[in-house]
Amino acid sequence: MAEEKPLNFLEQLIKKDLETGAHTAIRTRFPPEPNGYLHIGHAKSICLNFGLAQTFGGECNLRFDDTNPAKEDVEYVESIMADVRWLGFEWSGEVRYASSYFDTLYEWAQYLVKEGKAYVCDLDAEEARAYRGTLTEPGKNSPYRERSAEESLDLLERMKQGEFDEGTKVLRAKIDMAHGNINMRDPILYRIRKQHHHQTGDTWCIYPTYDFAHGQEDAIEGITHSICTLEFADHRPLYEWFIENLPVPARPRQFEFGRLNLSYTVMSKRKLKQLVDENHVAGWDDPRMPTIAGYRRRGYTPASLRKFCDMIGVTKSDGVVDVAMLEHAIRDDLDKNAPRAMCVLRPLKVVLTNYPADKTESLIAPGHPNRDDLPARTLPFGREIYIDQEDFREEANKKYKRLVLGKRVRLRNAYVIEAEEVVKDEQGDVIEVRARVLEETLGEDPADGVKPKGVIQWVAAHDCATFTVNLYDRLFNEAAPDAGGEFLDCLNPDSLVVLENCVGEKGLAGAAVGAGYQFEREGYFCRDANDEKLIFNRTIGLRDGGFK
C-alpha cells in the first residue's frame, strides 16, 4: 500500500478550518490580471488553487482582475481560459471579472469617504513619492488629507464623470502615514484612466487599484482562502484593513506561499512581454517561452506540468527550482506514453544494390516497446533508403557503432546491411552510400556469424513524410539570466536551429497538431500548430543534461 503524501501547510490549514467548523466548505480563486500570457509560475498557482478545491470538495473561481485597461486585452483573457482548461481544470460557474463589481466597489469607496477613512488627493506622482517617506523614515500627511467628506465625495463623483485629467487627482485611504508598512501609508484606491476597457467599454474613466479591489472581490464571491504568492505578504495588513472597514458580505483570509522561480528562465511578465515586443521570440507561444502556451506548442503535456508542480511542493519561502526537474517530468511522461517513430534529421541516401528496384515490402514495428495498446507501425522498405549523415563514416575506430565502409549495421526493425562504396560531390562530400542487404536477417543474425556492431534508424525513400524540424534548446545560457545586468545579454544564440527536408515514417504525415512522438535515438518531438507546413518541434532530448 502506497504511503499517503503528507499535507502541505495550506492543506493542513484548510483541514483544520473544516474540522473546527470555521468553514463548512471552501472556495478558492485563481485571479490573473489579463495583461499577458500565463507562465509556468501561474501553472503552479492554478494547480494549487484548483487542486485545493478538488482535494477538499470545494469550488474554485476563475476571476480576471481587470483593473488596469492600459495593459489588458481580450487576447489575454481567451488565452488564460484556454490554459486553465488545457491543464485539466474547470472553474466554478461563469468566468468572473473585477469589472463586474465596479459599481459595488465605487459605492464602497464612497462609504469610506463618508466614514472619514478616505479622501481625494491632488498631489501629483512625484509629490506623492516625496510625501510617502522611505523604509526607514515616516511619510508626511498630504495637505489634502483633511478635506471634508462632502468635498471629497463631490470631487470623486467629478473624477468619475471625467472632469479631471489623468494624474491630477486620486482617491486615497486615510490610514497612517507613519506606518512601518509602506503599503499602509494612505494607499491609492482610485486613479483616473481615460482608456477603453475590454469589458466595460468607455463606461468608466476611474479604476480601482488591485489592492482595493482584490479583497473585496474575494468577499463578494465568498472566497474562504485567498491564496497569494509571498510578495503579497506585506499587502495582507491592507487586505485586512479593507475587510474590517467596509460592509462586505464575507470575511476572507489571505495566505501566502513561495512563488516558483526556475533556473535558466525569466519569470517577469514585463520581461516576457519585452521578448515578444522586440521579436527576440516569435510570440507569446514561442516554444522557447516559459508560458503555458509555449510549453503546449513545444509538446509538453498537461500531466507533465501538473506532475512538476506536485514534485516541487508548496512552501512558505521562495527558492529557485532547477529546470532539470521540469525536463525530467516531461521526459518521464513522454517515455511512458509517446508512440515511437523513426526520423532522419540530416538525410543521406543509401542504395541497396542487391535489392530489386521493383520490389517493396512492408515491415512491422511496435508502436511502443512497453505499450500493447498503442498500434504497431507499418514500415515501407525498398531499394533506396535514407539514414542520418552522422550514422555513416568512411573510416572509424572501434567505438563507433554505426555504418562504416566495409562494415555492417542493422537497420532498426529491418535487415542487416553492409556498406561497399560511396558517391561524392565535387567538394568531396559523401552524397550517397552503396550497400548490400544481407538476406534472411529480419530478426536474425547473419548466417556467416559476422554480427553488426550497431543499430541505426532509417526511412524508405519511396514512401516517407518530408517536414521541417525545429530544434529548440533553452532560451538563456545562464542559470540566472535576470540576476543582475541586462537579461537580454544572456540569450542563447543557438536556442533554435531549423532543419529543412527532414524525412520520417510515412505515418508522420498525418500527425495531429500537438501529437507527440519519440523519434528514436533523437528525442521527443510534437507536431507544431502550423497550418501551412508540416513542422515538428523538439520537446526535449532523450537524456538529462542537455540535448545529445
Protein backbone atom coordinates (compact mmCIF):
# COMPACT_ATOMS: atom_id res chain seq x y z
CA MET A 1 0.00 0.00 0.00
CA ALA A 2 1.41 3.38 -1.05
CA GLU A 3 2.20 5.87 1.68
CA GLU A 4 -0.06 8.88 1.92
CA LYS A 5 1.67 12.07 0.92
CA PRO A 6 1.98 14.46 3.89
CA LEU A 7 -0.22 17.53 3.73
CA ASN A 8 1.42 20.84 2.88
CA PHE A 9 0.86 23.78 5.22
CA LEU A 10 -2.13 25.09 3.24
CA GLU A 11 -3.80 21.68 3.22
CA GLN A 12 -3.23 21.40 6.97
CA LEU A 13 -4.76 24.83 7.50
CA ILE A 14 -7.84 24.09 5.39
CA LYS A 15 -8.29 20.68 7.01
CA LYS A 16 -8.28 22.34 10.44
CA ASP A 17 -10.74 25.05 9.32
CA LEU A 18 -13.17 22.39 8.12
CA GLU A 19 -12.75 20.22 11.22
CA THR A 20 -13.29 23.13 13.63
CA GLY A 21 -16.27 24.44 11.71
CA ALA A 22 -14.57 27.72 10.78
CA HIS A 23 -15.85 26.87 7.30
CA THR A 24 -18.34 24.26 6.18
CA ALA A 25 -16.97 24.33 2.64
CA ILE A 26 -14.05 26.04 0.94
CA ARG A 27 -13.90 28.28 -2.08
CA THR A 28 -10.64 29.38 -3.67
CA ARG A 29 -9.96 31.51 -6.71
CA PHE A 30 -7.37 31.95 -9.45
CA PRO A 31 -7.22 35.71 -10.11
CA PRO A 32 -4.90 36.55 -13.06
CA GLU A 33 -4.57 40.02 -14.50
CA PRO A 34 -5.15 39.73 -18.27
CA ASN A 35 -2.01 41.65 -19.24
CA GLY A 36 -0.05 38.79 -20.80
CA TYR A 37 0.04 35.05 -21.27
CA LEU A 38 0.33 32.78 -18.22
CA HIS A 39 3.73 31.27 -17.45
CA ILE A 40 4.92 28.22 -15.53
CA GLY A 41 4.66 30.11 -12.23
CA HIS A 42 0.96 30.63 -12.89
CA ALA A 43 0.66 26.90 -13.60
CA LYS A 44 1.78 26.27 -10.02
CA SER A 45 -0.86 28.70 -8.73
CA ILE A 46 -3.54 27.11 -10.93
CA CYS A 47 -2.68 23.61 -9.73
CA LEU A 48 -2.63 24.83 -6.13
CA ASN A 49 -5.91 26.75 -6.11
CA PHE A 50 -7.91 24.31 -8.20
CA GLY A 51 -6.19 21.36 -6.51
CA LEU A 52 -7.10 22.55 -3.00
CA ALA A 53 -10.72 22.90 -4.07
CA GLN A 54 -10.70 19.39 -5.55
CA THR A 55 -8.98 17.84 -2.54
CA PHE A 56 -11.48 19.25 -0.06
CA GLY A 57 -14.63 19.03 -2.18
CA GLY A 58 -14.85 22.79 -2.64
CA GLU A 59 -15.02 25.15 -5.60
CA CYS A 60 -12.55 27.40 -7.37
CA ASN A 61 -13.44 30.57 -9.26
CA LEU A 62 -11.63 31.97 -12.27
CA ARG A 63 -11.63 35.74 -11.87
CA PHE A 64 -9.88 38.28 -14.05
CA ASP A 65 -8.54 41.21 -12.03
CA ASP A 66 -9.06 43.61 -14.88
CA THR A 67 -8.49 46.94 -13.13
CA ASN A 68 -5.81 48.34 -15.48
CA PRO A 69 -7.19 48.68 -19.03
CA ALA A 70 -3.96 50.19 -20.35
CA LYS A 71 -2.20 46.80 -20.21
CA GLU A 72 -5.08 44.37 -20.72
CA ASP A 73 -6.54 42.70 -23.79
CA VAL A 74 -9.24 40.18 -24.75
CA GLU A 75 -6.50 38.06 -26.35
CA TYR A 76 -5.02 37.51 -22.90
CA VAL A 77 -8.42 36.70 -21.41
CA GLU A 78 -9.03 33.99 -24.02
CA SER A 79 -5.51 32.56 -23.71
CA ILE A 80 -5.83 32.28 -19.93
CA MET A 81 -9.13 30.42 -20.14
CA ALA A 82 -7.61 28.04 -22.71
CA ASP A 83 -4.57 27.43 -20.48
CA VAL A 84 -6.64 26.61 -17.39
CA ARG A 85 -8.76 24.12 -19.33
CA TRP A 86 -5.74 22.59 -21.05
CA LEU A 87 -4.14 21.95 -17.66
CA GLY A 88 -7.24 19.90 -16.83
CA PHE A 89 -9.24 22.23 -14.59
CA GLU A 90 -12.72 23.75 -14.79
CA TRP A 91 -13.82 26.75 -12.77
CA SER A 92 -16.98 27.06 -10.75
CA GLY A 93 -19.85 28.79 -12.55
CA GLU A 94 -19.23 31.59 -15.01
CA VAL A 95 -15.94 33.37 -15.54
CA ARG A 96 -15.81 36.34 -13.18
CA TYR A 97 -14.33 39.79 -13.70
CA ALA A 98 -13.33 42.52 -11.26
CA SER A 99 -15.02 44.91 -13.68
CA SER A 100 -18.37 43.23 -12.91
CA TYR A 101 -18.05 44.64 -9.39
CA PHE A 102 -17.09 48.21 -10.34
CA ASP A 103 -20.44 49.66 -9.21
CA THR A 104 -20.17 48.00 -5.80
CA LEU A 105 -16.53 48.97 -5.37
CA TYR A 106 -17.37 52.59 -6.17
CA GLU A 107 -20.14 52.56 -3.58
CA TRP A 108 -17.71 51.19 -1.01
CA ALA A 109 -15.22 53.91 -1.90
CA GLN A 110 -17.94 56.48 -1.21
CA TYR A 111 -18.66 54.67 2.08
CA LEU A 112 -15.04 55.09 3.20
CA VAL A 113 -15.15 58.79 2.35
CA LYS A 114 -18.37 59.24 4.36
CA GLU A 115 -16.76 57.40 7.28
CA GLY A 116 -13.80 59.77 7.21
CA LYS A 117 -11.48 56.99 6.07
CA ALA A 118 -10.72 58.15 2.52
CA TYR A 119 -10.10 61.45 0.74
CA VAL A 120 -9.38 62.87 -2.71
CA CYS A 121 -5.75 63.93 -3.01
CA ASP A 122 -4.33 66.40 -5.56
CA LEU A 123 -0.64 65.52 -5.16
CA ASP A 124 0.98 64.52 -8.43
CA ALA A 125 3.03 61.33 -8.65
CA GLU A 126 6.36 62.98 -7.83
CA GLU A 127 4.93 64.87 -4.88
CA ALA A 128 3.21 61.74 -3.59
CA ARG A 129 6.53 59.85 -3.63
CA ALA A 130 8.20 62.62 -1.64
CA TYR A 131 5.39 62.62 0.95
CA ARG A 132 5.38 58.85 1.25
CA GLY A 133 8.68 58.54 3.10
CA THR A 134 11.07 55.59 2.97
CA LEU A 135 11.56 52.24 4.63
CA THR A 136 13.43 53.99 7.46
CA GLU A 137 11.62 57.35 7.55
CA PRO A 138 7.89 58.02 8.08
CA GLY A 139 5.82 59.77 5.48
CA LYS A 140 4.09 63.12 5.77
CA ASN A 141 0.37 63.78 5.62
CA SER A 142 -0.93 65.11 2.34
CA PRO A 143 -2.10 68.73 2.54
CA TYR A 144 -5.45 67.44 1.19
CA ARG A 145 -5.85 64.78 3.91
CA GLU A 146 -8.30 66.80 5.99
CA ARG A 147 -10.67 67.63 3.16
CA SER A 148 -14.24 67.32 4.27
CA ALA A 149 -16.18 64.22 3.31
CA GLU A 150 -18.56 66.39 1.32
CA GLU A 151 -15.78 67.92 -0.76
CA SER A 152 -14.08 64.57 -1.39
CA LEU A 153 -17.39 62.96 -2.38
CA ASP A 154 -18.03 65.77 -4.85
CA LEU A 155 -14.53 65.53 -6.31
CA LEU A 156 -14.75 61.74 -6.52
CA GLU A 157 -18.00 61.95 -8.48
CA ARG A 158 -16.49 64.55 -10.81
CA MET A 159 -13.48 62.26 -11.30
CA LYS A 160 -15.93 59.56 -12.26
CA GLN A 161 -17.64 61.85 -14.75
CA GLY A 162 -14.34 62.58 -16.49
CA GLU A 163 -13.97 66.20 -15.43
CA PHE A 164 -10.28 65.93 -14.47
CA ASP A 165 -7.17 64.89 -16.38
CA GLU A 166 -5.22 61.72 -15.64
CA GLY A 167 -2.73 62.15 -12.81
CA THR A 168 -4.36 65.21 -11.32
CA LYS A 169 -6.37 63.51 -8.58
CA VAL A 170 -6.60 60.15 -6.80
CA LEU A 171 -8.74 58.73 -4.03
CA ARG A 172 -6.66 57.58 -1.05
CA ALA A 173 -7.46 55.66 2.12
CA LYS A 174 -6.78 57.57 5.34
CA ILE A 175 -4.76 55.16 7.46
CA ASP A 176 -1.33 56.16 8.83
CA MET A 177 1.47 57.97 7.01
CA ALA A 178 3.92 56.94 9.72
CA HIS A 179 3.09 53.23 9.49
CA GLY A 180 6.07 50.88 9.35
CA ASN A 181 4.49 49.11 6.37
CA ILE A 182 4.60 51.49 3.42
CA ASN A 183 1.54 49.83 1.91
CA MET A 184 -0.48 51.28 4.80
CA ARG A 185 0.58 54.89 4.18
CA ASP A 186 -2.67 56.21 2.73
CA PRO A 187 -2.72 53.89 -0.30
CA ILE A 188 -4.44 54.84 -3.53
CA LEU A 189 -7.93 53.40 -4.04
CA TYR A 190 -8.89 55.00 -7.38
CA ARG A 191 -6.96 56.71 -10.17
CA ILE A 192 -8.09 58.40 -13.34
CA ARG A 193 -7.56 56.32 -16.50
CA LYS A 194 -9.35 57.64 -19.57
CA GLN A 195 -8.91 54.44 -21.52
CA HIS A 196 -11.21 51.92 -23.18
CA HIS A 197 -11.82 48.78 -21.12
CA HIS A 198 -12.13 45.38 -22.80
CA GLN A 199 -15.22 44.50 -20.73
CA THR A 200 -16.89 47.80 -19.75
CA GLY A 201 -16.00 49.86 -22.80
CA ASP A 202 -15.98 53.60 -22.02
CA THR A 203 -18.35 53.43 -19.04
CA TRP A 204 -15.60 54.22 -16.55
CA CYS A 205 -12.70 56.65 -16.55
CA ILE A 206 -11.61 55.90 -12.99
CA TYR A 207 -10.42 52.44 -11.99
CA PRO A 208 -9.78 50.82 -8.60
CA THR A 209 -6.29 49.68 -7.69
CA TYR A 210 -5.58 45.98 -7.29
CA ASP A 211 -5.09 46.38 -3.53
CA PHE A 212 -8.51 47.97 -3.11
CA ALA A 213 -10.36 45.62 -5.43
CA HIS A 214 -8.85 42.25 -4.63
CA GLY A 215 -10.03 41.58 -1.10
CA GLN A 216 -13.47 42.99 -1.79
CA GLU A 217 -13.86 40.76 -4.83
CA ASP A 218 -12.95 37.82 -2.59
CA ALA A 219 -15.63 38.91 -0.11
CA ILE A 220 -18.30 39.30 -2.79
CA GLU A 221 -17.57 35.82 -4.14
CA GLY A 222 -17.45 34.18 -0.73
CA ILE A 223 -13.82 33.12 -1.06
CA THR A 224 -12.70 31.38 2.13
CA HIS A 225 -8.97 31.09 1.45
CA SER A 226 -7.31 33.73 -0.71
CA ILE A 227 -4.02 32.11 -1.73
CA CYS A 228 -1.32 34.53 -2.93
CA THR A 229 2.39 34.38 -3.61
CA LEU A 230 4.82 35.59 -0.99
CA GLU A 231 5.30 39.10 -2.37
CA PHE A 232 1.75 39.89 -1.23
CA ALA A 233 2.55 39.19 2.44
CA ASP A 234 3.31 42.88 3.02
CA HIS A 235 -0.07 43.72 1.47
CA ARG A 236 -2.02 41.48 3.83
CA PRO A 237 -2.46 44.17 6.57
CA LEU A 238 -4.07 46.38 3.93
CA TYR A 239 -6.22 43.49 2.69
CA GLU A 240 -7.44 43.01 6.24
CA TRP A 241 -7.95 46.75 6.84
CA PHE A 242 -10.38 46.97 3.93
CA ILE A 243 -12.26 43.88 5.08
CA GLU A 244 -12.58 45.34 8.59
CA ASN A 245 -13.64 48.82 7.47
CA LEU A 246 -16.14 48.01 4.70
CA PRO A 247 -19.64 46.47 4.85
CA VAL A 248 -18.50 43.36 2.97
CA PRO A 249 -20.72 40.25 2.94
CA ALA A 250 -17.93 37.84 3.99
CA ARG A 251 -14.53 37.87 5.66
CA PRO A 252 -11.99 36.02 3.52
CA ARG A 253 -8.44 35.48 4.75
CA GLN A 254 -5.23 35.78 2.77
CA PHE A 255 -2.44 33.19 2.92
CA GLU A 256 0.89 33.28 1.09
CA PHE A 257 3.13 30.61 -0.42
CA GLY A 258 6.53 30.73 -2.09
CA ARG A 259 6.38 31.55 -5.77
CA LEU A 260 8.09 29.42 -8.41
CA ASN A 261 11.46 30.60 -9.67
CA LEU A 262 13.06 28.43 -12.35
CA SER A 263 16.71 28.32 -13.42
CA TYR A 264 17.58 29.35 -16.99
CA THR A 265 14.21 31.10 -17.09
CA VAL A 266 12.83 34.62 -16.86
CA MET A 267 9.51 34.78 -14.97
CA SER A 268 8.81 38.52 -15.08
CA LYS A 269 5.76 39.16 -17.24
CA ARG A 270 7.24 42.54 -18.17
CA LYS A 271 10.43 40.88 -19.45
CA LEU A 272 8.48 38.18 -21.26
CA LYS A 273 6.48 40.91 -22.99
CA GLN A 274 9.74 42.63 -23.92
CA LEU A 275 10.97 39.41 -25.54
CA VAL A 276 7.79 39.32 -27.62
CA ASP A 277 7.63 43.04 -28.46
CA GLU A 278 11.28 43.19 -29.53
CA ASN A 279 10.98 40.00 -31.62
CA HIS A 280 13.55 38.00 -29.68
CA VAL A 281 10.95 35.23 -29.87
CA ALA A 282 8.09 34.55 -32.29
CA GLY A 283 5.23 35.44 -29.95
CA TRP A 284 3.91 34.51 -26.51
CA ASP A 285 3.50 30.87 -27.61
CA ASP A 286 7.03 30.51 -28.97
CA PRO A 287 8.15 27.05 -27.78
CA ARG A 288 11.17 28.60 -26.06
CA MET A 289 8.97 30.76 -23.85
CA PRO A 290 8.10 29.62 -20.29
CA THR A 291 4.44 30.35 -20.99
CA ILE A 292 1.89 27.58 -20.72
CA ALA A 293 1.05 28.22 -24.38
CA GLY A 294 4.74 27.91 -25.26
CA TYR A 295 5.11 24.62 -23.38
CA ARG A 296 1.95 23.31 -25.05
CA ARG A 297 3.28 24.15 -28.52
CA ARG A 298 6.63 22.60 -27.66
CA GLY A 299 4.98 19.31 -26.77
CA TYR A 300 4.75 19.39 -23.00
CA THR A 301 1.69 17.60 -21.68
CA PRO A 302 -0.80 18.79 -19.04
CA ALA A 303 0.09 15.74 -16.95
CA SER A 304 3.79 16.61 -17.01
CA LEU A 305 3.20 20.18 -15.82
CA ARG A 306 0.84 19.00 -13.08
CA LYS A 307 3.41 16.39 -12.05
CA PHE A 308 6.14 19.02 -11.92
CA CYS A 309 4.00 21.30 -9.75
CA ASP A 310 3.37 18.36 -7.43
CA MET A 311 7.09 17.47 -7.32
CA ILE A 312 8.22 20.95 -6.23
CA GLY A 313 5.63 21.15 -3.47
CA VAL A 314 4.24 24.17 -1.61
CA THR A 315 6.46 26.09 0.80
CA LYS A 316 6.41 29.28 2.85
CA SER A 317 9.64 30.59 1.34
CA ASP A 318 10.89 31.47 -2.12
CA GLY A 319 13.59 29.44 -3.82
CA VAL A 320 14.93 28.50 -7.24
CA VAL A 321 13.95 25.19 -8.80
CA ASP A 322 16.37 23.57 -11.24
CA VAL A 323 14.82 23.50 -14.71
CA ALA A 324 16.11 19.92 -14.94
CA MET A 325 13.20 18.90 -12.68
CA LEU A 326 10.73 20.21 -15.23
CA GLU A 327 12.62 18.49 -18.04
CA HIS A 328 12.59 15.25 -16.06
CA ALA A 329 8.81 15.49 -15.62
CA ILE A 330 8.12 15.79 -19.35
CA ARG A 331 10.77 13.23 -20.32
CA ASP A 332 9.29 10.71 -17.89
CA ASP A 333 5.75 11.31 -19.16
CA LEU A 334 6.67 11.03 -22.84
CA ASP A 335 8.87 7.97 -22.30
CA LYS A 336 5.82 6.15 -20.93
CA ASN A 337 3.22 7.49 -23.34
CA ALA A 338 4.68 8.80 -26.62
CA PRO A 339 4.42 6.45 -29.62
CA ARG A 340 7.70 5.71 -31.37
CA ALA A 341 8.69 6.68 -34.88
CA MET A 342 11.86 6.86 -36.96
CA CYS A 343 13.08 10.16 -38.32
CA VAL A 344 16.20 11.17 -40.22
CA LEU A 345 17.12 14.77 -39.46
CA ARG A 346 20.00 15.07 -41.93
CA PRO A 347 19.26 12.59 -44.72
CA LEU A 348 21.92 10.63 -46.56
CA LYS A 349 20.74 8.32 -49.34
CA VAL A 350 21.68 4.65 -49.23
CA VAL A 351 21.16 2.50 -52.34
CA LEU A 352 20.85 -1.21 -51.63
CA THR A 353 22.45 -2.50 -54.77
CA ASN A 354 21.37 -6.14 -54.45
CA TYR A 355 17.75 -5.33 -53.60
CA PRO A 356 15.45 -5.43 -56.67
CA ALA A 357 14.46 -1.97 -57.92
CA ASP A 358 10.82 -3.02 -58.44
CA LYS A 359 10.47 -4.71 -55.06
CA THR A 360 8.95 -3.19 -51.93
CA GLU A 361 7.78 -4.77 -48.72
CA SER A 362 6.06 -3.77 -45.50
CA LEU A 363 7.77 -4.39 -42.20
CA ILE A 364 6.13 -4.17 -38.79
CA ALA A 365 7.44 -2.28 -35.74
CA PRO A 366 5.86 -1.82 -32.32
CA GLY A 367 4.13 1.47 -31.55
CA HIS A 368 5.78 1.49 -28.12
CA PRO A 369 8.14 -1.06 -26.54
CA ASN A 370 6.03 -1.32 -23.37
CA ARG A 371 2.53 -0.37 -24.54
CA ASP A 372 0.46 -3.05 -26.27
CA ASP A 373 -2.43 -0.59 -26.52
CA LEU A 374 -0.54 1.59 -29.00
CA PRO A 375 -0.91 0.27 -32.57
CA ALA A 376 2.03 -1.23 -34.42
CA ARG A 377 3.60 0.75 -37.26
CA THR A 378 3.93 -0.36 -40.87
CA LEU A 379 7.35 0.49 -42.33
CA PRO A 380 7.70 0.53 -46.13
CA PHE A 381 11.04 -0.89 -47.32
CA GLY A 382 12.65 -0.61 -50.74
CA ARG A 383 15.88 -0.33 -52.70
CA GLU A 384 16.60 3.25 -51.61
CA ILE A 385 16.53 4.42 -48.02
CA TYR A 386 17.71 7.42 -46.01
CA ILE A 387 19.94 7.26 -42.97
CA ASP A 388 21.33 10.14 -40.93
CA GLN A 389 24.60 11.68 -42.10
CA GLU A 390 26.01 11.17 -38.61
CA ASP A 391 25.36 7.43 -38.89
CA PHE A 392 27.94 6.85 -41.63
CA ARG A 393 31.70 7.23 -41.79
CA GLU A 394 34.20 6.03 -44.35
CA GLU A 395 36.58 5.17 -41.52
CA ALA A 396 36.04 4.94 -37.80
CA ASN A 397 37.51 3.50 -34.61
CA LYS A 398 36.01 0.59 -32.73
CA LYS A 399 33.92 2.85 -30.51
CA TYR A 400 31.82 3.96 -33.48
CA LYS A 401 28.82 1.61 -33.59
CA ARG A 402 27.16 2.76 -36.80
CA LEU A 403 27.67 2.20 -40.53
CA VAL A 404 31.28 2.22 -41.74
CA LEU A 405 32.57 1.49 -45.21
CA GLY A 406 33.20 -2.24 -45.39
CA LYS A 407 31.33 -2.86 -42.14
CA ARG A 408 27.83 -3.92 -41.15
CA VAL A 409 24.99 -2.32 -39.21
CA ARG A 410 21.41 -3.32 -38.52
CA LEU A 411 18.59 -1.14 -39.77
CA ARG A 412 16.18 -0.88 -36.86
CA ASN A 413 13.28 -3.34 -37.22
CA ALA A 414 14.73 -4.43 -40.58
CA TYR A 415 17.75 -6.04 -42.27
CA VAL A 416 21.46 -6.00 -41.70
CA ILE A 417 23.32 -4.08 -44.42
CA GLU A 418 26.99 -3.73 -45.34
CA ALA A 419 28.46 -0.56 -46.90
CA GLU A 420 30.51 -1.18 -50.05
CA GLU A 421 31.24 2.19 -51.68
CA VAL A 422 30.39 5.89 -51.63
CA VAL A 423 29.49 8.58 -54.17
CA LYS A 424 30.90 12.07 -53.58
CA ASP A 425 30.18 15.52 -54.99
CA GLU A 426 32.73 17.95 -56.42
CA GLN A 427 33.63 19.15 -52.92
CA GLY A 428 34.44 15.63 -51.83
CA ASP A 429 31.41 15.25 -49.56
CA VAL A 430 29.62 11.91 -49.45
CA ILE A 431 26.19 12.25 -51.08
CA GLU A 432 25.31 8.57 -51.45
CA VAL A 433 26.29 5.24 -49.92
CA ARG A 434 26.03 1.98 -51.84
CA ALA A 435 25.44 -1.06 -49.71
CA ARG A 436 24.12 -4.59 -49.90
CA VAL A 437 21.34 -6.23 -47.91
CA LEU A 438 22.10 -9.46 -46.11
CA GLU A 439 19.11 -11.63 -46.82
CA GLU A 440 17.45 -13.69 -44.10
CA THR A 441 18.46 -11.18 -41.44
CA LEU A 442 14.99 -9.96 -40.49
CA GLY A 443 15.08 -10.67 -36.78
CA GLU A 444 18.09 -12.97 -37.28
CA ASP A 445 21.85 -12.59 -37.15
CA PRO A 446 23.80 -13.07 -40.40
CA ALA A 447 24.32 -16.71 -41.29
CA ASP A 448 28.10 -16.22 -41.65
CA GLY A 449 28.36 -15.32 -37.97
CA VAL A 450 29.69 -11.76 -38.54
CA LYS A 451 27.34 -9.69 -36.40
CA PRO A 452 26.67 -5.97 -36.90
CA LYS A 453 28.08 -3.66 -34.23
CA GLY A 454 25.16 -1.24 -34.01
CA VAL A 455 21.60 -0.32 -34.92
CA ILE A 456 20.56 2.83 -36.79
CA GLN A 457 17.28 4.36 -37.83
CA TRP A 458 16.26 4.67 -41.46
CA VAL A 459 13.35 5.76 -43.67
CA ALA A 460 12.27 4.37 -47.05
CA ALA A 461 12.93 6.93 -49.79
CA HIS A 462 9.95 5.89 -51.93
CA ASP A 463 7.29 6.32 -49.23
CA CYS A 464 8.04 8.76 -46.43
CA ALA A 465 6.99 12.06 -44.89
CA THR A 466 9.07 15.18 -45.50
CA PHE A 467 8.97 18.01 -42.98
CA THR A 468 10.80 20.76 -41.13
CA VAL A 469 12.19 20.19 -37.65
CA ASN A 470 12.75 22.94 -35.09
CA LEU A 471 15.48 22.00 -32.64
CA TYR A 472 14.72 24.02 -29.52
CA ASP A 473 17.14 24.49 -26.64
CA ARG A 474 16.98 26.71 -23.56
CA LEU A 475 16.31 30.35 -24.36
CA PHE A 476 19.01 31.55 -21.95
CA ASN A 477 22.51 30.19 -21.47
CA GLU A 478 22.86 31.50 -17.90
CA ALA A 479 21.19 29.85 -14.91
CA ALA A 480 20.08 33.23 -13.52
CA PRO A 481 19.56 35.48 -16.57
CA ASP A 482 17.90 38.30 -14.62
CA ALA A 483 20.09 38.17 -11.50
CA GLY A 484 21.75 41.42 -12.48
CA GLY A 485 22.74 43.34 -15.56
CA GLU A 486 20.89 43.05 -18.86
CA PHE A 487 18.95 39.80 -19.15
CA LEU A 488 18.96 40.01 -22.94
CA ASP A 489 22.74 39.57 -22.88
CA CYS A 490 22.11 36.01 -21.64
CA LEU A 491 20.05 34.94 -24.67
CA ASN A 492 21.23 31.67 -26.16
CA PRO A 493 22.06 32.27 -29.85
CA ASP A 494 21.52 28.56 -30.52
CA SER A 495 18.12 28.28 -28.83
CA LEU A 496 16.58 27.46 -32.22
CA VAL A 497 18.09 25.51 -35.10
CA VAL A 498 15.81 24.90 -38.10
CA LEU A 499 16.35 21.79 -40.22
CA GLU A 500 14.58 21.61 -43.58
CA ASN A 501 13.82 18.48 -45.63
CA CYS A 502 13.93 16.02 -42.78
CA VAL A 503 12.30 12.68 -43.50
CA GLY A 504 10.35 10.30 -41.32
CA GLU A 505 7.99 7.37 -41.35
CA LYS A 506 5.06 7.97 -43.68
CA GLY A 507 2.58 7.91 -40.78
CA LEU A 508 4.02 11.20 -39.52
CA ALA A 509 2.47 12.99 -42.50
CA GLY A 510 -0.90 12.56 -40.84
CA ALA A 511 0.15 13.57 -37.33
CA ALA A 512 -2.42 15.66 -35.49
CA VAL A 513 -1.42 19.12 -34.25
CA GLY A 514 0.19 18.69 -30.85
CA ALA A 515 0.69 14.94 -31.25
CA GLY A 516 3.91 13.84 -29.55
CA TYR A 517 6.36 11.13 -30.60
CA GLN A 518 9.69 9.74 -29.61
CA PHE A 519 11.87 9.98 -32.69
CA GLU A 520 14.08 7.01 -31.91
CA ARG A 521 17.62 7.98 -30.88
CA GLU A 522 16.80 11.67 -31.41
CA GLY A 523 14.43 12.80 -28.68
CA TYR A 524 10.79 13.75 -28.20
CA PHE A 525 9.00 15.84 -30.81
CA CYS A 526 5.50 17.12 -31.48
CA ARG A 527 3.57 18.36 -34.49
CA ASP A 528 3.59 22.15 -34.49
CA ALA A 529 0.43 24.24 -34.74
CA ASN A 530 1.21 25.46 -38.25
CA ASP A 531 -1.47 25.08 -40.89
CA GLU A 532 0.77 25.74 -43.89
CA LYS A 533 3.70 23.38 -43.34
CA LEU A 534 4.39 20.07 -41.65
CA ILE A 535 6.70 21.01 -38.76
CA PHE A 536 7.87 19.07 -35.74
CA ASN A 537 9.22 20.80 -32.64
CA ARG A 538 11.77 19.14 -30.40
CA THR A 539 10.26 18.95 -26.94
CA ILE A 540 13.22 17.50 -25.07
CA GLY A 541 16.21 15.24 -25.64
CA LEU A 542 16.33 11.61 -24.59
CA ARG A 543 18.76 12.12 -21.73
CA ASP A 544 19.25 14.55 -18.86
CA GLY A 545 21.94 17.18 -19.12
CA GLY A 546 21.09 18.75 -22.46
CA PHE A 547 20.45 17.59 -25.98
CA LYS A 548 22.86 14.96 -27.19
